[in-house]
C-alpha atoms as a PDB file:
ATOM      1  CA  MET A   1      -3.585 -26.066  15.931  1.00  0.00           C
ATOM      2  CA  VAL A   2      -3.652 -22.833  14.026  1.00  0.00           C
ATOM      3  CA  ASP A   3      -6.628 -20.495  13.812  1.00  0.00           C
ATOM      4  CA  THR A   4      -6.365 -19.959  10.259  1.00  0.00           C
ATOM      5  CA  PRO A   5      -6.152 -22.823   8.115  1.00  0.00           C
ATOM      6  CA  GLN A   6      -5.208 -20.488   4.883  1.00  0.00           C
ATOM      7  CA  HIS A   7      -2.089 -19.446   6.269  1.00  0.00           C
ATOM      8  CA  GLU A   8      -0.043 -21.592   4.626  1.00  0.00           C
ATOM      9  CA  LYS A   9      -1.665 -20.413   1.368  1.00  0.00           C
ATOM     10  CA  ARG A  10      -1.134 -16.739   2.115  1.00  0.00           C
ATOM     11  CA  ARG A  11       2.517 -17.080   2.272  1.00  0.00           C
ATOM     12  CA  GLU A  12       4.282 -14.912  -0.703  1.00  0.00           C
ATOM     13  CA  GLY A  13       7.960 -14.349  -1.174  1.00  0.00           C
ATOM     14  CA  ALA A  14      11.232 -15.475   0.825  1.00  0.00           C
ATOM     15  CA  ARG A  15      11.317 -15.836   3.985  1.00  0.00           C
ATOM     16  CA  VAL A  16      14.737 -17.111   6.058  1.00  0.00           C
ATOM     17  CA  VAL A  17      15.015 -18.397   9.647  1.00  0.00           C
ATOM     18  CA  MET A  18      16.466 -15.602  11.425  1.00  0.00           C
ATOM     19  CA  ARG A  19      16.590 -14.598  14.703  1.00  0.00           C
ATOM     20  CA  VAL A  20      15.845 -10.723  15.236  1.00  0.00           C
ATOM     21  CA  PRO A  21      15.300  -8.720  18.490  1.00  0.00           C
ATOM     22  CA  VAL A  22      11.940  -7.143  18.257  1.00  0.00           C
ATOM     23  CA  GLU A  23       9.515  -5.153  20.445  1.00  0.00           C
ATOM     24  CA  VAL A  24       5.968  -6.037  19.945  1.00  0.00           C
ATOM     25  CA  ARG A  25       3.522  -3.172  20.644  1.00  0.00           C
ATOM     26  CA  GLY A  26      -0.577  -3.837  19.849  1.00  0.00           C
ATOM     27  CA  THR A  27      -3.468  -5.184  21.893  1.00  0.00           C
ATOM     28  CA  ALA A  28      -3.378  -8.571  23.190  1.00  0.00           C
ATOM     29  CA  ALA A  29      -6.792 -11.162  22.696  1.00  0.00           C
ATOM     30  CA  ASP A  30      -7.989  -9.804  26.040  1.00  0.00           C
ATOM     31  CA  GLY A  31      -8.551  -5.970  25.052  1.00  0.00           C
ATOM     32  CA  ASN A  32      -4.961  -5.085  27.156  1.00  0.00           C
ATOM     33  CA  PRO A  33      -2.420  -3.450  25.850  1.00  0.00           C
ATOM     34  CA  LEU A  34       0.790  -5.148  24.791  1.00  0.00           C
ATOM     35  CA  GLU A  35       4.627  -4.225  24.724  1.00  0.00           C
ATOM     36  CA  GLU A  36       7.096  -6.759  25.089  1.00  0.00           C
ATOM     37  CA  SER A  37      10.483  -7.429  23.805  1.00  0.00           C
ATOM     38  CA  THR A  38      10.540 -11.037  22.027  1.00  0.00           C
ATOM     39  CA  HIS A  39      12.420 -12.178  18.636  1.00  0.00           C
ATOM     40  CA  THR A  40      11.649 -13.369  15.633  1.00  0.00           C
ATOM     41  CA  GLY A  41      12.251 -17.205  14.176  1.00  0.00           C
ATOM     42  CA  VAL A  42      11.308 -16.592  10.741  1.00  0.00           C
ATOM     43  CA  VAL A  43      11.447 -13.368   8.360  1.00  0.00           C
ATOM     44  CA  GLY A  44      10.545 -12.447   5.308  1.00  0.00           C
ATOM     45  CA  VAL A  45       9.850 -10.247   2.427  1.00  0.00           C
ATOM     46  CA  GLN A  46       6.294  -9.416   3.409  1.00  0.00           C
ATOM     47  CA  GLY A  47       6.706 -10.186   7.371  1.00  0.00           C
ATOM     48  CA  ALA A  48       7.437 -12.587   9.930  1.00  0.00           C
ATOM     49  CA  MET A  49       6.483 -15.039  12.961  1.00  0.00           C
ATOM     50  CA  PHE A  50       7.637 -14.301  16.227  1.00  0.00           C
ATOM     51  CA  TRP A  51       6.642 -15.272  19.939  1.00  0.00           C
ATOM     52  CA  THR A  52       4.715 -13.181  22.619  1.00  0.00           C
ATOM     53  CA  SER A  53       3.672 -13.970  25.828  1.00  0.00           C
ATOM     54  CA  ARG A  54       0.359 -12.995  25.069  1.00  0.00           C
ATOM     55  CA  LYS A  55      -2.464 -14.306  22.322  1.00  0.00           C
ATOM     56  CA  LEU A  56      -3.055 -11.676  19.856  1.00  0.00           C
ATOM     57  CA  GLN A  57      -5.899 -11.767  17.771  1.00  0.00           C
ATOM     58  CA  ILE A  58      -5.964 -12.221  14.196  1.00  0.00           C
ATOM     59  CA  GLY A  59      -6.485  -8.632  12.179  1.00  0.00           C
ATOM     60  CA  THR A  60      -4.944  -6.759  15.283  1.00  0.00           C
ATOM     61  CA  GLU A  61      -2.286  -4.417  13.885  1.00  0.00           C
ATOM     62  CA  VAL A  62       0.630  -4.522  16.124  1.00  0.00           C
ATOM     63  CA  GLU A  63       3.814  -2.148  15.566  1.00  0.00           C
ATOM     64  CA  LEU A  64       7.299  -3.603  15.492  1.00  0.00           C
ATOM     65  CA  THR A  65      10.805  -2.250  16.386  1.00  0.00           C
ATOM     66  CA  ASN A  66      14.033  -4.127  14.791  1.00  0.00           C
ATOM     67  CA  ARG A  67      15.740  -3.641  17.992  1.00  0.00           C
ATOM     68  CA  PHE A  68      19.215  -3.946  15.605  1.00  0.00           C
ATOM     69  CA  SER A  69      18.135  -1.108  13.581  1.00  0.00           C
ATOM     70  CA  GLN A  70      15.498   0.579  15.663  1.00  0.00           C
ATOM     71  CA  GLN A  71      13.656   0.794  12.656  1.00  0.00           C
ATOM     72  CA  THR A  72       9.688   0.041  13.500  1.00  0.00           C
ATOM     73  CA  ALA A  73       6.971  -0.934  10.886  1.00  0.00           C
ATOM     74  CA  LYS A  74       3.122  -1.984  11.018  1.00  0.00           C
ATOM     75  CA  PHE A  75       1.546  -5.375  10.605  1.00  0.00           C
ATOM     76  CA  ARG A  76      -1.424  -7.364  10.745  1.00  0.00           C
ATOM     77  CA  VAL A  77      -1.809 -10.262  12.685  1.00  0.00           C
ATOM     78  CA  VAL A  78      -2.265 -13.108   9.841  1.00  0.00           C
ATOM     79  CA  TRP A  79      -1.872 -16.414  11.960  1.00  0.00           C
ATOM     80  CA  VAL A  80      -1.790 -17.682  15.539  1.00  0.00           C
ATOM     81  CA  LYS A  81      -0.748 -20.867  16.360  1.00  0.00           C
ATOM     82  CA  GLU A  82      -2.301 -22.677  19.794  1.00  0.00           C
ATOM     83  CA  ASN A  83      -0.142 -22.966  22.471  1.00  0.00           C
ATOM     84  CA  ARG A  84       0.077 -26.586  23.871  1.00  0.00           C
ATOM     85  CA  GLU A  85      -0.362 -27.197  27.779  1.00  0.00           C
ATOM     86  CA  GLY A  86       2.465 -26.080  29.516  1.00  0.00           C
ATOM     87  CA  GLU A  87       3.676 -23.733  26.906  1.00  0.00           C
ATOM     88  CA  GLU A  88       4.745 -20.449  27.930  1.00  0.00           C
ATOM     89  CA  LEU A  89       4.509 -18.752  24.326  1.00  0.00           C
ATOM     90  CA  TRP A  90       2.050 -17.917  21.289  1.00  0.00           C
ATOM     91  CA  GLU A  91       3.623 -18.509  17.797  1.00  0.00           C
ATOM     92  CA  ILE A  92       2.395 -15.375  15.844  1.00  0.00           C
ATOM     93  CA  GLY A  93       2.579 -14.681  11.852  1.00  0.00           C
ATOM     94  CA  VAL A  94       2.230 -11.185  10.633  1.00  0.00           C
ATOM     95  CA  GLU A  95       2.428  -9.726   7.268  1.00  0.00           C
ATOM     96  CA  SER A  96       3.528  -6.328   6.859  1.00  0.00           C
ATOM     97  CA  LEU A  97       0.977  -3.138   6.201  1.00  0.00           C
ATOM     98  CA  GLN A  98       4.137  -0.768   4.287  1.00  0.00           C
ATOM     99  CA  THR A  99       7.018  -1.986   2.085  1.00  0.00           C
ATOM    100  CA  LEU A 100       9.579  -3.676   4.021  1.00  0.00           C
ATOM    101  CA  ASP A 101      12.515  -2.654   1.887  1.00  0.00           C
ATOM    102  CA  ASP A 102      15.805  -3.119   4.350  1.00  0.00           C
ATOM    103  CA  PHE A 103      13.833  -3.779   7.461  1.00  0.00           C
ATOM    104  CA  TRP A 104      15.400  -7.101   8.552  1.00  0.00           C
ATOM    105  CA  GLY A 105      18.592  -6.505   7.363  1.00  0.00           C
ATOM    106  CA  VAL A 106      18.622  -8.845   4.708  1.00  0.00           C
ATOM    107  CA  ARG A 107      18.482  -8.836   0.805  1.00  0.00           C
ATOM    108  CA  PHE A 108      16.022 -11.240  -0.239  1.00  0.00           C
ATOM    109  CA  PRO A 109      16.015 -12.836  -3.599  1.00  0.00           C
ATOM    110  CA  PRO A 110      13.443 -11.191  -6.231  1.00  0.00           C
ATOM    111  CA  LYS A 111      10.239 -13.046  -7.145  1.00  0.00           C
ATOM    112  CA  PRO A 112      10.870 -15.348  -9.979  1.00  0.00           C
ATOM    113  CA  GLY A 113       9.875 -13.776 -13.448  1.00  0.00           C
ATOM    114  CA  ARG A 114      10.926 -10.360 -11.920  1.00  0.00           C
ATOM    115  CA  HIS A 115      14.686  -9.166 -12.694  1.00  0.00           C
END
């Protein structure tokens, strides 16, 4: 179950399935600080999906550091996929609060109609 059924409609821009090691820093849904190493499953022009061991609250700001490039950027949690019984990780969708440029090390195609 996804906390926000609108998450599919909010997506914009190109995305690619890509495992990028990241450091996540923010506040977990229980109010305690979260700092952990994980990896992405999907990256995009305006955000990413990654997994964490603790649930994050929608709307929470997090900081991701790409461990390949050592670049850091701020993101907002836009959806959280509930973990099923027996699963240990939460699937988290985030959107960037700043222009990502080459944050992921991927050159995304321009939006249709923009050259």
